[in-house]
């Protein structure tokens, strides 16, 4: 009877160890995917930031009376590029700061592009058009990268909350990762008038 009890305990321990190992490895893989997709988000935002000085310089040559708008874009870019988050430091507060700075830069860029409408020579400039196309493409890449990050975080956060994985996740220090929040006013459709 004692041997049977010992065998049952050994089998249970072996099974628990096996399940822990599988769950742990799965969580590590999911966490790495979150980190990888976050790096891609940062990469695309950096690509956008790298395009801005050329865009500002091109506009500056045509729109000399728009110095305030150009300064706002430059300041917003400086602020946005000063906020970087290591994947290990991803939390709600840090992501909110990052997202706020990127949102301010997006708004400054929208203002800059709206100003350019008043300068037909600028809109006809090949360099400006190329930069505008690159910026548009980069915005699409940012959206795609954010979508991949959001999906990876959803899968990871779901995994660490499921039973029995939640027990192992707690033991090994796996914590939820933050999600992007909708921009302020995103739920309100723009008013279009003709």
N, C-alpha and C. Protein backbone atom coordinates (compact mmCIF):
# COMPACT_ATOMS: atom_id res chain seq x y z
N UNK A 1 0.81 -1.19 0.00
CA UNK A 1 0.00 0.00 0.00
C UNK A 1 0.87 1.26 0.00
N UNK A 2 1.96 1.24 0.78
CA UNK A 2 2.87 2.36 0.88
C UNK A 2 3.53 2.62 -0.47
N UNK A 3 3.88 1.55 -1.20
CA UNK A 3 4.51 1.67 -2.51
C UNK A 3 3.54 2.28 -3.52
N UNK A 4 2.29 1.88 -3.44
CA UNK A 4 1.28 2.41 -4.35
C UNK A 4 1.06 3.91 -4.10
N UNK A 5 1.05 4.32 -2.83
CA UNK A 5 0.91 5.72 -2.48
C UNK A 5 2.11 6.53 -2.99
N UNK A 6 3.29 6.00 -2.81
CA UNK A 6 4.51 6.67 -3.27
C UNK A 6 4.50 6.78 -4.78
N UNK A 7 4.08 5.74 -5.46
CA UNK A 7 4.00 5.76 -6.92
C UNK A 7 2.98 6.80 -7.40
N UNK A 8 1.84 6.88 -6.72
CA UNK A 8 0.81 7.86 -7.08
C UNK A 8 1.33 9.29 -6.89
N UNK A 9 2.05 9.52 -5.82
CA UNK A 9 2.62 10.85 -5.56
C UNK A 9 3.67 11.18 -6.63
N UNK A 10 4.49 10.23 -6.99
CA UNK A 10 5.53 10.44 -8.00
C UNK A 10 4.91 10.75 -9.36
N UNK A 11 3.85 9.99 -9.72
CA UNK A 11 3.18 10.22 -11.01
C UNK A 11 2.52 11.60 -11.00
N UNK A 12 1.87 11.97 -9.91
CA UNK A 12 1.23 13.28 -9.80
C UNK A 12 2.27 14.39 -9.90
N UNK A 13 3.38 14.23 -9.22
CA UNK A 13 4.45 15.24 -9.27
C UNK A 13 5.03 15.36 -10.68
N UNK A 14 5.22 14.21 -11.34
CA UNK A 14 5.74 14.21 -12.70
C UNK A 14 4.75 14.89 -13.65
N UNK A 15 3.48 14.59 -13.51
CA UNK A 15 2.45 15.20 -14.35
C UNK A 15 2.36 16.70 -14.11
N UNK A 16 2.38 17.12 -12.84
CA UNK A 16 2.33 18.54 -12.50
C UNK A 16 3.56 19.27 -13.04
N UNK A 17 4.72 18.63 -12.93
CA UNK A 17 5.96 19.22 -13.44
C UNK A 17 5.90 19.38 -14.95
N UNK A 18 5.36 18.37 -15.61
CA UNK A 18 5.23 18.41 -17.07
C UNK A 18 4.29 19.53 -17.50
N UNK A 19 3.14 19.65 -16.83
CA UNK A 19 2.18 20.70 -17.16
C UNK A 19 2.77 22.09 -16.90
N UNK A 20 3.49 22.23 -15.79
CA UNK A 20 4.11 23.50 -15.46
C UNK A 20 5.11 23.89 -16.54
N UNK A 21 5.91 22.94 -16.97
CA UNK A 21 6.93 23.20 -17.98
C UNK A 21 6.28 23.64 -19.30
N UNK A 22 5.23 22.94 -19.71
CA UNK A 22 4.54 23.28 -20.96
C UNK A 22 3.93 24.67 -20.88
N UNK A 23 3.24 24.95 -19.79
CA UNK A 23 2.61 26.25 -19.62
C UNK A 23 3.65 27.36 -19.53
N UNK A 24 4.72 27.10 -18.80
CA UNK A 24 5.78 28.10 -18.67
C UNK A 24 6.37 28.41 -20.04
N UNK A 25 6.71 27.38 -20.80
CA UNK A 25 7.30 27.59 -22.12
C UNK A 25 6.35 28.33 -23.05
N UNK A 26 5.07 28.01 -22.98
CA UNK A 26 4.08 28.69 -23.79
C UNK A 26 4.00 30.17 -23.41
N UNK A 27 4.03 30.46 -22.13
CA UNK A 27 3.99 31.86 -21.68
C UNK A 27 5.24 32.62 -22.11
N UNK A 28 6.38 31.96 -22.05
CA UNK A 28 7.62 32.60 -22.50
C UNK A 28 7.53 32.94 -23.98
N UNK A 29 7.02 32.01 -24.78
CA UNK A 29 6.86 32.27 -26.22
C UNK A 29 5.90 33.43 -26.47
N UNK A 30 4.80 33.46 -25.75
CA UNK A 30 3.83 34.54 -25.93
C UNK A 30 4.40 35.88 -25.48
N UNK A 31 5.15 35.87 -24.39
CA UNK A 31 5.77 37.11 -23.92
C UNK A 31 6.80 37.61 -24.94
N UNK A 32 7.55 36.70 -25.54
CA UNK A 32 8.51 37.09 -26.58
C UNK A 32 7.79 37.68 -27.79
N UNK A 33 6.64 37.13 -28.13
CA UNK A 33 5.86 37.68 -29.25
C UNK A 33 5.39 39.09 -28.94
N UNK A 34 4.95 39.32 -27.71
CA UNK A 34 4.54 40.67 -27.29
C UNK A 34 5.74 41.62 -27.41
N UNK A 35 6.89 41.20 -26.91
CA UNK A 35 8.09 42.04 -26.97
C UNK A 35 8.48 42.34 -28.41
N UNK A 36 8.41 41.34 -29.26
CA UNK A 36 8.75 41.50 -30.67
C UNK A 36 7.79 42.46 -31.37
N UNK A 37 6.51 42.31 -31.12
CA UNK A 37 5.54 43.19 -31.77
C UNK A 37 5.66 44.61 -31.22
N UNK A 38 6.01 44.76 -29.95
CA UNK A 38 6.23 46.10 -29.40
C UNK A 38 7.43 46.76 -30.11
N UNK A 39 8.48 46.00 -30.32
CA UNK A 39 9.66 46.54 -31.01
C UNK A 39 9.28 47.02 -32.41
N UNK A 40 8.38 46.32 -33.07
CA UNK A 40 7.94 46.73 -34.40
C UNK A 40 7.11 48.03 -34.33
N UNK A 41 6.30 48.17 -33.29
CA UNK A 41 5.55 49.42 -33.10
C UNK A 41 6.54 50.58 -32.97
N UNK A 42 7.52 50.42 -32.09
CA UNK A 42 8.51 51.47 -31.90
C UNK A 42 9.29 51.76 -33.18
N UNK A 43 9.61 50.72 -33.92
CA UNK A 43 10.34 50.87 -35.18
C UNK A 43 9.54 51.73 -36.17
N UNK A 44 8.26 51.48 -36.29
CA UNK A 44 7.44 52.23 -37.24
C UNK A 44 7.25 53.68 -36.79
N UNK A 45 7.10 53.89 -35.49
CA UNK A 45 7.01 55.26 -35.00
C UNK A 45 8.34 56.00 -35.24
N UNK A 46 9.45 55.30 -35.09
CA UNK A 46 10.74 55.93 -35.35
C UNK A 46 10.89 56.26 -36.83
N UNK A 47 10.41 55.39 -37.69
CA UNK A 47 10.43 55.67 -39.13
C UNK A 47 9.67 56.95 -39.43
N UNK A 48 8.51 57.10 -38.80
CA UNK A 48 7.73 58.32 -38.99
C UNK A 48 8.51 59.54 -38.50
N UNK A 49 9.11 59.42 -37.32
CA UNK A 49 9.88 60.54 -36.76
C UNK A 49 11.05 60.91 -37.66
N UNK A 50 11.65 59.92 -38.30
CA UNK A 50 12.79 60.19 -39.19
C UNK A 50 12.37 60.92 -40.46
N UNK A 51 11.14 60.77 -40.90
CA UNK A 51 10.65 61.46 -42.09
C UNK A 51 10.33 62.93 -41.81
N UNK A 52 10.00 63.25 -40.59
CA UNK A 52 9.49 64.58 -40.27
C UNK A 52 10.48 65.71 -40.54
N UNK A 53 11.77 65.59 -40.17
CA UNK A 53 12.67 66.72 -40.45
C UNK A 53 12.74 67.07 -41.95
N UNK A 54 12.75 66.07 -42.81
CA UNK A 54 12.76 66.35 -44.25
C UNK A 54 11.46 67.03 -44.69
N UNK A 55 10.35 66.57 -44.14
CA UNK A 55 9.06 67.18 -44.47
C UNK A 55 9.02 68.63 -44.01
N UNK A 56 9.46 68.88 -42.78
CA UNK A 56 9.48 70.24 -42.23
C UNK A 56 10.37 71.14 -43.08
N UNK A 57 11.56 70.65 -43.44
CA UNK A 57 12.48 71.47 -44.24
C UNK A 57 11.91 71.78 -45.62
N UNK A 58 11.22 70.81 -46.20
CA UNK A 58 10.60 71.05 -47.51
C UNK A 58 9.50 72.10 -47.40
N UNK A 59 8.67 71.99 -46.38
CA UNK A 59 7.59 72.96 -46.18
C UNK A 59 8.17 74.33 -45.86
N UNK A 60 9.23 74.36 -45.06
CA UNK A 60 9.85 75.61 -44.65
C UNK A 60 10.26 76.45 -45.87
N UNK A 61 10.73 75.80 -46.91
CA UNK A 61 11.15 76.52 -48.11
C UNK A 61 10.01 77.22 -48.81
N UNK A 62 8.81 76.74 -48.67
CA UNK A 62 7.64 77.30 -49.37
C UNK A 62 6.75 78.12 -48.45
N UNK A 63 6.63 77.68 -47.21
CA UNK A 63 5.66 78.28 -46.30
C UNK A 63 6.38 79.06 -45.19
N UNK A 64 7.06 80.10 -45.56
CA UNK A 64 7.85 80.86 -44.59
C UNK A 64 7.00 81.51 -43.51
N UNK A 65 5.72 81.74 -43.77
CA UNK A 65 4.85 82.40 -42.80
C UNK A 65 4.23 81.41 -41.81
N UNK A 66 4.60 80.18 -41.89
CA UNK A 66 4.01 79.14 -41.04
C UNK A 66 4.98 78.66 -39.97
N UNK A 67 5.82 79.54 -39.47
CA UNK A 67 6.86 79.13 -38.52
C UNK A 67 6.28 78.53 -37.24
N UNK A 68 5.14 79.03 -36.79
CA UNK A 68 4.53 78.50 -35.57
C UNK A 68 4.13 77.03 -35.75
N UNK A 69 3.53 76.72 -36.88
CA UNK A 69 3.14 75.33 -37.17
C UNK A 69 4.37 74.44 -37.26
N UNK A 70 5.40 74.92 -37.93
CA UNK A 70 6.64 74.14 -38.08
C UNK A 70 7.30 73.90 -36.72
N UNK A 71 7.26 74.92 -35.86
CA UNK A 71 7.84 74.76 -34.52
C UNK A 71 7.05 73.73 -33.71
N UNK A 72 5.73 73.75 -33.83
CA UNK A 72 4.91 72.78 -33.10
C UNK A 72 5.22 71.35 -33.54
N UNK A 73 5.41 71.16 -34.84
CA UNK A 73 5.75 69.83 -35.35
C UNK A 73 7.10 69.39 -34.80
N UNK A 74 8.06 70.31 -34.84
CA UNK A 74 9.41 69.99 -34.36
C UNK A 74 9.39 69.67 -32.87
N UNK A 75 8.66 70.45 -32.09
CA UNK A 75 8.56 70.20 -30.64
C UNK A 75 7.85 68.88 -30.35
N UNK A 76 6.78 68.60 -31.07
CA UNK A 76 6.05 67.35 -30.87
C UNK A 76 6.91 66.15 -31.24
N UNK A 77 7.69 66.29 -32.30
CA UNK A 77 8.60 65.20 -32.70
C UNK A 77 9.65 64.96 -31.61
N UNK A 78 10.22 66.05 -31.08
CA UNK A 78 11.23 65.91 -30.03
C UNK A 78 10.65 65.21 -28.80
N UNK A 79 9.43 65.59 -28.43
CA UNK A 79 8.78 64.96 -27.28
C UNK A 79 8.50 63.49 -27.54
N UNK A 80 7.98 63.19 -28.73
CA UNK A 80 7.63 61.81 -29.07
C UNK A 80 8.86 60.91 -29.11
N UNK A 81 9.96 61.42 -29.64
CA UNK A 81 11.16 60.58 -29.73
C UNK A 81 11.90 60.48 -28.40
N UNK A 82 11.58 61.35 -27.45
CA UNK A 82 12.24 61.27 -26.14
C UNK A 82 11.60 60.19 -25.26
N UNK A 83 10.42 59.75 -25.62
CA UNK A 83 9.73 58.72 -24.82
C UNK A 83 9.89 57.37 -25.51
N UNK A 84 10.71 56.54 -24.92
CA UNK A 84 10.87 55.17 -25.41
C UNK A 84 10.58 54.24 -24.24
N UNK A 85 10.05 53.08 -24.56
CA UNK A 85 9.69 52.12 -23.52
C UNK A 85 10.32 50.78 -23.86
N UNK A 86 11.13 50.29 -22.97
CA UNK A 86 11.66 48.95 -23.09
C UNK A 86 10.50 47.97 -22.87
N UNK A 87 10.51 46.87 -23.60
CA UNK A 87 9.41 45.90 -23.48
C UNK A 87 9.20 45.44 -22.03
N UNK A 88 10.27 45.41 -21.25
CA UNK A 88 10.14 45.01 -19.84
C UNK A 88 9.43 46.06 -19.00
N UNK A 89 9.41 47.30 -19.48
CA UNK A 89 8.79 48.40 -18.75
C UNK A 89 7.41 48.76 -19.27
N UNK A 90 6.83 47.90 -20.10
CA UNK A 90 5.50 48.17 -20.62
C UNK A 90 4.48 48.05 -19.49
N UNK A 91 3.85 49.17 -19.18
CA UNK A 91 2.74 49.17 -18.23
C UNK A 91 1.77 50.25 -18.68
N UNK A 92 0.61 50.31 -18.03
CA UNK A 92 -0.44 51.24 -18.45
C UNK A 92 0.06 52.69 -18.45
N UNK A 93 0.76 53.08 -17.41
CA UNK A 93 1.22 54.47 -17.28
C UNK A 93 2.23 54.83 -18.38
N UNK A 94 3.22 53.98 -18.58
CA UNK A 94 4.24 54.27 -19.60
C UNK A 94 3.64 54.28 -21.00
N UNK A 95 2.76 53.33 -21.27
CA UNK A 95 2.13 53.28 -22.59
C UNK A 95 1.24 54.50 -22.81
N UNK A 96 0.56 54.97 -21.77
CA UNK A 96 -0.29 56.16 -21.90
C UNK A 96 0.56 57.39 -22.24
N UNK A 97 1.72 57.53 -21.61
CA UNK A 97 2.63 58.65 -21.91
C UNK A 97 3.12 58.56 -23.36
N UNK A 98 3.52 57.36 -23.74
CA UNK A 98 4.00 57.14 -25.11
C UNK A 98 2.91 57.48 -26.12
N UNK A 99 1.72 56.95 -25.88
CA UNK A 99 0.60 57.17 -26.80
C UNK A 99 0.21 58.64 -26.86
N UNK A 100 0.26 59.34 -25.73
CA UNK A 100 -0.08 60.77 -25.71
C UNK A 100 0.90 61.56 -26.56
N UNK A 101 2.19 61.27 -26.40
CA UNK A 101 3.21 61.99 -27.18
C UNK A 101 3.06 61.70 -28.67
N UNK A 102 2.79 60.45 -29.02
CA UNK A 102 2.61 60.10 -30.43
C UNK A 102 1.34 60.76 -30.99
N UNK A 103 0.30 60.85 -30.17
CA UNK A 103 -0.94 61.50 -30.59
C UNK A 103 -0.74 62.99 -30.83
N UNK A 104 0.05 63.63 -29.97
CA UNK A 104 0.35 65.05 -30.16
C UNK A 104 1.13 65.26 -31.46
N UNK A 105 2.03 64.36 -31.76
CA UNK A 105 2.79 64.46 -33.01
C UNK A 105 1.85 64.27 -34.20
N UNK A 106 0.95 63.33 -34.11
CA UNK A 106 -0.03 63.11 -35.19
C UNK A 106 -0.86 64.37 -35.43
N UNK A 107 -1.30 65.01 -34.35
CA UNK A 107 -2.08 66.24 -34.48
C UNK A 107 -1.26 67.36 -35.12
N UNK A 108 0.00 67.47 -34.71
CA UNK A 108 0.88 68.50 -35.29
C UNK A 108 1.09 68.25 -36.78
N UNK A 109 1.24 66.98 -37.15
CA UNK A 109 1.41 66.65 -38.57
C UNK A 109 0.14 66.98 -39.36
N UNK A 110 -1.02 66.71 -38.78
CA UNK A 110 -2.27 67.05 -39.46
C UNK A 110 -2.36 68.55 -39.69
N UNK A 111 -1.95 69.33 -38.69
CA UNK A 111 -1.95 70.79 -38.84
C UNK A 111 -1.00 71.22 -39.95
N UNK A 112 0.17 70.60 -39.99
CA UNK A 112 1.16 70.93 -41.01
C UNK A 112 0.61 70.62 -42.41
N UNK A 113 0.03 69.45 -42.55
CA UNK A 113 -0.49 69.07 -43.86
C UNK A 113 -1.69 69.94 -44.26
N UNK A 114 -2.47 70.39 -43.28
CA UNK A 114 -3.59 71.30 -43.58
C UNK A 114 -3.06 72.64 -44.07
N UNK A 115 -1.98 73.11 -43.47
CA UNK A 115 -1.38 74.38 -43.87
C UNK A 115 -0.86 74.31 -45.30
N UNK A 116 -0.34 73.17 -45.68
CA UNK A 116 0.24 73.03 -47.02
C UNK A 116 -0.79 73.19 -48.13
N UNK A 117 -2.06 73.04 -47.79
CA UNK A 117 -3.11 73.20 -48.79
C UNK A 117 -3.10 74.62 -49.39
N UNK A 118 -2.61 75.58 -48.61
CA UNK A 118 -2.60 76.97 -49.06
C UNK A 118 -1.41 77.29 -49.97
N UNK A 119 -0.56 76.30 -50.23
CA UNK A 119 0.65 76.54 -51.02
C UNK A 119 0.68 75.58 -52.22
N UNK A 120 0.08 75.98 -53.34
CA UNK A 120 0.01 75.10 -54.51
C UNK A 120 1.39 74.69 -55.04
N UNK A 121 2.37 75.60 -54.96
CA UNK A 121 3.71 75.25 -55.43
C UNK A 121 4.31 74.13 -54.59
N UNK A 122 4.04 74.17 -53.30
CA UNK A 122 4.54 73.12 -52.40
C UNK A 122 3.88 71.79 -52.73
N UNK A 123 2.56 71.82 -52.93
CA UNK A 123 1.85 70.57 -53.24
C UNK A 123 2.33 69.98 -54.56
N UNK A 124 2.85 70.83 -55.45
CA UNK A 124 3.34 70.36 -56.75
C UNK A 124 4.79 69.89 -56.66
N UNK A 125 5.47 70.19 -55.56
CA UNK A 125 6.87 69.83 -55.39
C UNK A 125 7.01 68.31 -55.27
N UNK A 126 7.85 67.74 -56.13
CA UNK A 126 8.01 66.28 -56.17
C UNK A 126 8.54 65.73 -54.84
N UNK A 127 9.49 66.42 -54.25
CA UNK A 127 10.07 65.97 -52.98
C UNK A 127 8.99 65.94 -51.89
N UNK A 128 8.17 66.98 -51.84
CA UNK A 128 7.08 67.04 -50.85
C UNK A 128 6.10 65.90 -51.08
N UNK A 129 5.72 65.69 -52.33
CA UNK A 129 4.77 64.60 -52.64
C UNK A 129 5.34 63.25 -52.23
N UNK A 130 6.64 63.03 -52.51
CA UNK A 130 7.28 61.76 -52.13
C UNK A 130 7.27 61.59 -50.61
N UNK A 131 7.60 62.65 -49.90
CA UNK A 131 7.60 62.59 -48.44
C UNK A 131 6.19 62.33 -47.90
N UNK A 132 5.21 62.96 -48.51
CA UNK A 132 3.82 62.78 -48.09
C UNK A 132 3.38 61.33 -48.31
N UNK A 133 3.78 60.74 -49.42
CA UNK A 133 3.44 59.34 -49.70
C UNK A 133 4.16 58.42 -48.70
N UNK A 134 5.42 58.71 -48.41
CA UNK A 134 6.15 57.90 -47.43
C UNK A 134 5.52 58.00 -46.05
N UNK A 135 5.11 59.21 -45.70
CA UNK A 135 4.47 59.41 -44.40
C UNK A 135 3.15 58.65 -44.32
N UNK A 136 2.38 58.70 -45.39
CA UNK A 136 1.11 57.97 -45.43
C UNK A 136 1.36 56.47 -45.30
N UNK A 137 2.36 55.97 -46.03
CA UNK A 137 2.70 54.55 -45.93
C UNK A 137 3.15 54.16 -44.53
N UNK A 138 3.89 55.06 -43.91
CA UNK A 138 4.37 54.79 -42.55
C UNK A 138 3.21 54.78 -41.57
N UNK A 139 2.25 55.67 -41.75
CA UNK A 139 1.07 55.67 -40.87
C UNK A 139 0.33 54.34 -41.00
N UNK A 140 0.27 53.80 -42.21
CA UNK A 140 -0.36 52.48 -42.40
C UNK A 140 0.45 51.40 -41.69
N UNK A 141 1.77 51.50 -41.76
CA UNK A 141 2.62 50.52 -41.07
C UNK A 141 2.46 50.62 -39.56
N UNK A 142 2.33 51.83 -39.05
CA UNK A 142 2.10 52.02 -37.61
C UNK A 142 0.80 51.32 -37.21
N UNK A 143 -0.24 51.54 -37.99
CA UNK A 143 -1.54 50.92 -37.70
C UNK A 143 -1.44 49.39 -37.71
N UNK A 144 -0.73 48.85 -38.69
CA UNK A 144 -0.55 47.39 -38.77
C UNK A 144 0.25 46.88 -37.59
N UNK A 145 1.33 47.57 -37.24
CA UNK A 145 2.17 47.14 -36.11
C UNK A 145 1.39 47.20 -34.80
N UNK A 146 0.61 48.25 -34.63
CA UNK A 146 -0.20 48.36 -33.42
C UNK A 146 -1.24 47.24 -33.36
N UNK A 147 -1.81 46.89 -34.50
CA UNK A 147 -2.78 45.79 -34.55
C UNK A 147 -2.14 44.46 -34.15
N UNK A 148 -0.95 44.22 -34.65
CA UNK A 148 -0.24 42.97 -34.29
C UNK A 148 0.10 42.95 -32.80
N UNK A 149 0.53 44.08 -32.29
CA UNK A 149 0.83 44.18 -30.86
C UNK A 149 -0.42 43.90 -30.04
N UNK A 150 -1.52 44.53 -30.42
CA UNK A 150 -2.78 44.36 -29.71
C UNK A 150 -3.20 42.89 -29.68
N UNK A 151 -3.05 42.22 -30.81
CA UNK A 151 -3.41 40.79 -30.88
C UNK A 151 -2.49 39.95 -29.99
N UNK A 152 -1.20 40.22 -30.05
CA UNK A 152 -0.24 39.45 -29.23
C UNK A 152 -0.52 39.66 -27.74
N UNK A 153 -0.81 40.89 -27.36
CA UNK A 153 -1.11 41.18 -25.95
C UNK A 153 -2.40 40.50 -25.52
N UNK A 154 -3.40 40.52 -26.37
CA UNK A 154 -4.67 39.86 -26.03
C UNK A 154 -4.46 38.37 -25.78
N UNK A 155 -3.70 37.72 -26.63
CA UNK A 155 -3.44 36.29 -26.47
C UNK A 155 -2.65 36.02 -25.19
N UNK A 156 -1.62 36.82 -24.96
CA UNK A 156 -0.78 36.66 -23.76
C UNK A 156 -1.60 36.91 -22.50
N UNK A 157 -2.32 38.05 -22.45
CA UNK A 157 -3.10 38.38 -21.26
C UNK A 157 -4.18 37.33 -20.99
N UNK A 158 -4.79 36.79 -22.03
CA UNK A 158 -5.78 35.74 -21.86
C UNK A 158 -5.14 34.50 -21.27
N UNK A 159 -3.96 34.14 -21.77
CA UNK A 159 -3.27 32.94 -21.28
C UNK A 159 -2.93 33.03 -19.81
N UNK A 160 -2.44 34.19 -19.37
CA UNK A 160 -2.03 34.28 -17.97
C UNK A 160 -3.21 34.38 -17.01
N UNK A 161 -4.41 34.55 -17.55
CA UNK A 161 -5.60 34.62 -16.71
C UNK A 161 -6.39 33.31 -16.67
N UNK A 162 -6.02 32.35 -17.53
CA UNK A 162 -6.73 31.07 -17.58
C UNK A 162 -6.23 30.15 -16.47
N UNK A 163 -7.15 29.33 -16.00
CA UNK A 163 -6.79 28.33 -15.00
C UNK A 163 -6.33 27.07 -15.72
N UNK A 164 -5.31 26.41 -15.32
CA UNK A 164 -4.45 26.58 -14.16
C UNK A 164 -3.22 27.45 -14.45
N UNK A 165 -3.10 27.94 -15.69
CA UNK A 165 -1.92 28.71 -16.07
C UNK A 165 -1.74 29.93 -15.18
N UNK A 166 -2.85 30.52 -14.69
CA UNK A 166 -2.75 31.70 -13.85
C UNK A 166 -1.91 31.43 -12.60
N UNK A 167 -1.95 30.19 -12.13
CA UNK A 167 -1.15 29.83 -10.95
C UNK A 167 0.33 29.89 -11.31
N UNK A 168 0.69 29.27 -12.42
CA UNK A 168 2.08 29.24 -12.85
C UNK A 168 2.55 30.64 -13.25
N UNK A 169 1.69 31.38 -13.87
CA UNK A 169 2.05 32.74 -14.29
C UNK A 169 2.41 33.58 -13.06
N UNK A 170 1.64 33.42 -12.01
CA UNK A 170 1.94 34.14 -10.77
C UNK A 170 3.26 33.70 -10.16
N UNK A 171 3.51 32.42 -10.16
CA UNK A 171 4.76 31.90 -9.60
C UNK A 171 5.98 32.46 -10.33
N UNK A 172 5.87 32.55 -11.64
CA UNK A 172 7.03 32.94 -12.46
C UNK A 172 7.04 34.42 -12.82
N UNK A 173 6.11 35.20 -12.29
CA UNK A 173 6.15 36.65 -12.47
C UNK A 173 5.64 37.17 -13.81
N UNK A 174 4.81 36.41 -14.49
CA UNK A 174 4.22 36.91 -15.73
C UNK A 174 3.09 37.88 -15.37
N UNK A 175 3.22 39.11 -15.84
CA UNK A 175 2.23 40.14 -15.53
C UNK A 175 1.52 40.58 -16.82
N UNK A 176 0.27 41.06 -16.69
CA UNK A 176 -0.45 41.52 -17.89
C UNK A 176 0.29 42.67 -18.57
N UNK A 177 0.16 42.72 -19.88
CA UNK A 177 0.75 43.79 -20.69
C UNK A 177 -0.35 44.77 -21.06
N UNK A 178 -0.02 46.06 -21.20
CA UNK A 178 -1.05 47.06 -21.50
C UNK A 178 -1.44 47.08 -22.98
N UNK A 179 -2.63 47.57 -23.21
CA UNK A 179 -3.15 47.73 -24.57
C UNK A 179 -3.20 49.21 -24.91
N UNK A 180 -3.15 49.52 -26.20
CA UNK A 180 -3.38 50.89 -26.65
C UNK A 180 -4.82 51.25 -26.35
N UNK A 181 -5.04 52.50 -26.03
CA UNK A 181 -6.39 53.01 -25.80
C UNK A 181 -6.79 53.84 -27.01
N UNK A 182 -8.07 53.93 -27.26
CA UNK A 182 -8.56 54.75 -28.37
C UNK A 182 -8.19 56.20 -28.12
N UNK A 183 -7.87 56.89 -29.19
CA UNK A 183 -7.55 58.32 -29.09
C UNK A 183 -8.78 59.07 -28.61
N UNK A 184 -8.55 60.16 -27.92
CA UNK A 184 -9.66 61.00 -27.44
C UNK A 184 -10.47 61.47 -28.64
N UNK A 185 -11.77 61.30 -28.56
CA UNK A 185 -12.65 61.72 -29.63
C UNK A 185 -12.78 60.70 -30.75
N UNK A 186 -12.14 59.56 -30.63
CA UNK A 186 -12.19 58.55 -31.69
C UNK A 186 -13.58 57.96 -31.84
N UNK A 187 -14.37 58.00 -30.79
CA UNK A 187 -15.71 57.41 -30.87
C UNK A 187 -16.72 58.35 -31.55
N UNK A 188 -16.32 59.58 -31.78
CA UNK A 188 -17.20 60.56 -32.43
C UNK A 188 -16.86 60.63 -33.90
N UNK A 189 -17.83 60.39 -34.73
CA UNK A 189 -17.60 60.46 -36.18
C UNK A 189 -17.40 61.91 -36.59
N UNK A 190 -16.46 62.16 -37.50
CA UNK A 190 -16.26 63.54 -37.95
C UNK A 190 -17.48 64.06 -38.69
N UNK A 191 -17.75 65.33 -38.55
CA UNK A 191 -18.90 65.97 -39.19
C UNK A 191 -18.48 66.40 -40.59
N UNK A 192 -19.18 65.93 -41.58
CA UNK A 192 -18.88 66.27 -42.98
C UNK A 192 -20.01 67.12 -43.52
N UNK A 193 -19.64 68.28 -44.05
CA UNK A 193 -20.65 69.17 -44.63
C UNK A 193 -20.25 69.52 -46.05
N UNK A 194 -21.22 69.57 -46.92
CA UNK A 194 -20.97 69.94 -48.31
C UNK A 194 -21.63 71.26 -48.63
